[in-house]
Amino acid sequence: MGPKGGIYAALNVSKHDIVVVSCDMPFVNTFVVEKIAKQMYDRSIVSVCNEKIKPLCSGYKKEILKEVYA
């Protein structure tokens, strides 16, 4: 299932919401991760850079588990 499968697996086993950061994103730092996490109080946050969606630098709420599986 690729990256989507990884997000699903992480959400499925986690007790909490998650922030996902790909291993090939060397310029992502704690500031970026904390900013994503702080904005997740009532919804998932998907990053956008240069008008491109970055699902592997985003925050996901546990409530979307069924949508990720679909």
N, C-alpha and C. Protein backbone atom coordinates (compact mmCIF):
# COMPACT_ATOMS: atom_id res chain seq x y z
N MET A 1 0.81 -1.20 0.00
CA MET A 1 0.00 0.00 0.00
C MET A 1 0.85 1.27 0.00
N GLY A 2 2.16 1.14 0.09
CA GLY A 2 3.05 2.30 0.01
C GLY A 2 2.90 3.25 1.18
N PRO A 3 3.13 4.55 0.96
CA PRO A 3 3.05 5.53 2.04
C PRO A 3 1.68 5.55 2.73
N LYS A 4 0.62 5.38 1.95
CA LYS A 4 -0.73 5.35 2.54
C LYS A 4 -0.85 4.19 3.54
N GLY A 5 -0.25 3.07 3.22
CA GLY A 5 -0.26 1.93 4.13
C GLY A 5 0.51 2.22 5.40
N GLY A 6 1.61 2.96 5.27
CA GLY A 6 2.38 3.34 6.45
C GLY A 6 1.61 4.28 7.36
N ILE A 7 0.91 5.24 6.76
CA ILE A 7 0.09 6.16 7.55
C ILE A 7 -1.02 5.39 8.25
N TYR A 8 -1.66 4.47 7.52
CA TYR A 8 -2.72 3.64 8.11
C TYR A 8 -2.18 2.83 9.28
N ALA A 9 -1.04 2.17 9.08
CA ALA A 9 -0.47 1.32 10.13
C ALA A 9 -0.12 2.16 11.37
N ALA A 10 0.46 3.32 11.16
CA ALA A 10 0.82 4.18 12.29
C ALA A 10 -0.42 4.64 13.05
N LEU A 11 -1.46 5.06 12.33
CA LEU A 11 -2.70 5.48 12.99
C LEU A 11 -3.35 4.32 13.71
N ASN A 12 -3.29 3.14 13.12
CA ASN A 12 -3.95 1.97 13.68
C ASN A 12 -3.34 1.53 15.01
N VAL A 13 -2.03 1.63 15.15
CA VAL A 13 -1.38 1.17 16.38
C VAL A 13 -1.17 2.29 17.41
N SER A 14 -1.26 3.53 16.96
CA SER A 14 -1.02 4.65 17.87
C SER A 14 -2.22 4.90 18.79
N LYS A 15 -1.93 5.33 19.98
CA LYS A 15 -2.99 5.74 20.91
C LYS A 15 -3.35 7.20 20.71
N HIS A 16 -2.56 7.90 19.91
CA HIS A 16 -2.71 9.35 19.74
C HIS A 16 -2.71 9.71 18.26
N ASP A 17 -3.02 10.96 17.97
CA ASP A 17 -2.87 11.48 16.62
C ASP A 17 -1.38 11.44 16.27
N ILE A 18 -1.07 11.50 14.98
CA ILE A 18 0.33 11.38 14.56
C ILE A 18 0.75 12.53 13.65
N VAL A 19 2.04 12.83 13.65
CA VAL A 19 2.66 13.71 12.66
C VAL A 19 3.61 12.82 11.88
N VAL A 20 3.47 12.83 10.56
CA VAL A 20 4.28 11.99 9.68
C VAL A 20 5.32 12.86 8.99
N VAL A 21 6.57 12.41 9.01
CA VAL A 21 7.65 13.08 8.29
C VAL A 21 8.44 12.01 7.55
N SER A 22 8.57 12.17 6.26
CA SER A 22 9.30 11.22 5.43
C SER A 22 10.79 11.27 5.75
N CYS A 23 11.45 10.15 5.57
CA CYS A 23 12.89 10.10 5.87
C CYS A 23 13.74 10.87 4.87
N ASP A 24 13.16 11.24 3.73
CA ASP A 24 13.95 11.97 2.72
C ASP A 24 13.62 13.47 2.70
N MET A 25 13.30 14.01 3.87
CA MET A 25 13.00 15.44 4.00
C MET A 25 14.01 16.05 4.96
N PRO A 26 15.25 16.31 4.51
CA PRO A 26 16.31 16.74 5.41
C PRO A 26 16.12 18.13 6.03
N PHE A 27 15.26 18.95 5.45
CA PHE A 27 15.12 20.31 5.96
C PHE A 27 13.96 20.48 6.93
N VAL A 28 13.25 19.39 7.22
CA VAL A 28 12.17 19.45 8.21
C VAL A 28 12.82 19.40 9.59
N ASN A 29 12.43 20.35 10.43
CA ASN A 29 13.01 20.40 11.78
C ASN A 29 11.90 20.37 12.82
N THR A 30 12.27 20.47 14.08
CA THR A 30 11.27 20.40 15.15
C THR A 30 10.27 21.54 15.08
N PHE A 31 10.68 22.69 14.59
CA PHE A 31 9.76 23.82 14.45
C PHE A 31 8.59 23.44 13.54
N VAL A 32 8.89 22.82 12.40
CA VAL A 32 7.85 22.42 11.45
C VAL A 32 6.93 21.37 12.06
N VAL A 33 7.51 20.37 12.70
CA VAL A 33 6.72 19.30 13.32
C VAL A 33 5.82 19.87 14.42
N GLU A 34 6.35 20.73 15.26
CA GLU A 34 5.55 21.33 16.32
C GLU A 34 4.45 22.22 15.76
N LYS A 35 4.72 22.94 14.68
CA LYS A 35 3.71 23.79 14.07
C LYS A 35 2.55 22.95 13.54
N ILE A 36 2.86 21.84 12.89
CA ILE A 36 1.82 20.93 12.40
C ILE A 36 1.02 20.40 13.57
N ALA A 37 1.70 19.92 14.59
CA ALA A 37 1.02 19.32 15.75
C ALA A 37 0.10 20.32 16.45
N LYS A 38 0.54 21.55 16.59
CA LYS A 38 -0.27 22.56 17.28
C LYS A 38 -1.51 22.96 16.50
N GLN A 39 -1.50 22.79 15.19
CA GLN A 39 -2.66 23.14 14.37
C GLN A 39 -3.67 22.00 14.25
N MET A 40 -3.38 20.86 14.85
CA MET A 40 -4.22 19.67 14.72
C MET A 40 -5.29 19.55 15.79
N TYR A 41 -5.62 20.58 16.51
CA TYR A 41 -6.54 20.46 17.64
C TYR A 41 -7.90 19.91 17.25
N ASP A 42 -8.39 20.19 16.04
CA ASP A 42 -9.71 19.67 15.66
C ASP A 42 -9.76 19.07 14.25
N ARG A 43 -8.61 18.97 13.59
CA ARG A 43 -8.60 18.41 12.23
C ARG A 43 -7.20 17.94 11.86
N SER A 44 -7.14 17.11 10.84
CA SER A 44 -5.85 16.71 10.28
C SER A 44 -5.29 17.88 9.48
N ILE A 45 -3.98 17.94 9.37
CA ILE A 45 -3.31 19.01 8.65
C ILE A 45 -2.43 18.38 7.57
N VAL A 46 -2.69 18.73 6.32
CA VAL A 46 -1.87 18.24 5.21
C VAL A 46 -1.06 19.42 4.67
N SER A 47 0.25 19.26 4.64
CA SER A 47 1.14 20.32 4.19
C SER A 47 1.07 20.52 2.68
N VAL A 48 1.28 21.76 2.27
CA VAL A 48 1.35 22.12 0.86
C VAL A 48 2.59 22.99 0.67
N CYS A 49 3.39 22.67 -0.34
CA CYS A 49 4.59 23.43 -0.63
C CYS A 49 4.67 23.62 -2.15
N ASN A 50 4.80 24.84 -2.58
CA ASN A 50 4.82 25.14 -4.03
C ASN A 50 3.61 24.54 -4.74
N GLU A 51 2.45 24.67 -4.09
CA GLU A 51 1.17 24.20 -4.62
C GLU A 51 1.09 22.68 -4.79
N LYS A 52 1.98 21.94 -4.11
CA LYS A 52 1.96 20.48 -4.17
C LYS A 52 1.65 19.94 -2.78
N ILE A 53 0.73 18.98 -2.70
CA ILE A 53 0.36 18.36 -1.44
C ILE A 53 1.51 17.48 -0.97
N LYS A 54 1.84 17.58 0.31
CA LYS A 54 2.92 16.80 0.91
C LYS A 54 2.34 15.91 2.01
N PRO A 55 1.74 14.77 1.65
CA PRO A 55 1.11 13.92 2.66
C PRO A 55 2.09 13.30 3.64
N LEU A 56 3.38 13.28 3.28
CA LEU A 56 4.37 12.70 4.18
C LEU A 56 5.09 13.75 5.01
N CYS A 57 4.48 14.89 5.13
CA CYS A 57 4.91 15.93 6.08
C CYS A 57 3.62 16.58 6.58
N SER A 58 2.83 15.78 7.28
CA SER A 58 1.48 16.20 7.66
C SER A 58 1.08 15.58 8.99
N GLY A 59 -0.02 16.07 9.52
CA GLY A 59 -0.54 15.56 10.79
C GLY A 59 -1.90 14.91 10.58
N TYR A 60 -2.09 13.76 11.17
CA TYR A 60 -3.33 13.00 10.97
C TYR A 60 -4.00 12.68 12.30
N LYS A 61 -5.30 12.93 12.34
CA LYS A 61 -6.11 12.61 13.52
C LYS A 61 -6.51 11.13 13.46
N LYS A 62 -6.64 10.50 14.62
CA LYS A 62 -7.07 9.10 14.69
C LYS A 62 -8.42 8.89 14.02
N GLU A 63 -9.27 9.92 14.04
CA GLU A 63 -10.63 9.78 13.50
C GLU A 63 -10.66 9.49 12.00
N ILE A 64 -9.57 9.73 11.27
CA ILE A 64 -9.61 9.51 9.82
C ILE A 64 -9.16 8.10 9.42
N LEU A 65 -8.96 7.24 10.37
CA LEU A 65 -8.45 5.89 10.10
C LEU A 65 -9.28 5.19 9.02
N LYS A 66 -10.61 5.27 9.10
CA LYS A 66 -11.45 4.59 8.10
C LYS A 66 -11.26 5.20 6.71
N GLU A 67 -11.07 6.51 6.62
CA GLU A 67 -10.87 7.15 5.32
C GLU A 67 -9.52 6.77 4.72
N VAL A 68 -8.52 6.60 5.53
CA VAL A 68 -7.20 6.21 5.03
C VAL A 68 -7.26 4.80 4.49
N TYR A 69 -8.04 3.93 5.12
CA TYR A 69 -8.16 2.53 4.69
C TYR A 69 -8.86 2.42 3.35
N ALA A 70 -9.78 3.32 3.08
CA ALA A 70 -10.60 3.23 1.84
C ALA A 70 -9.79 3.38 0.60
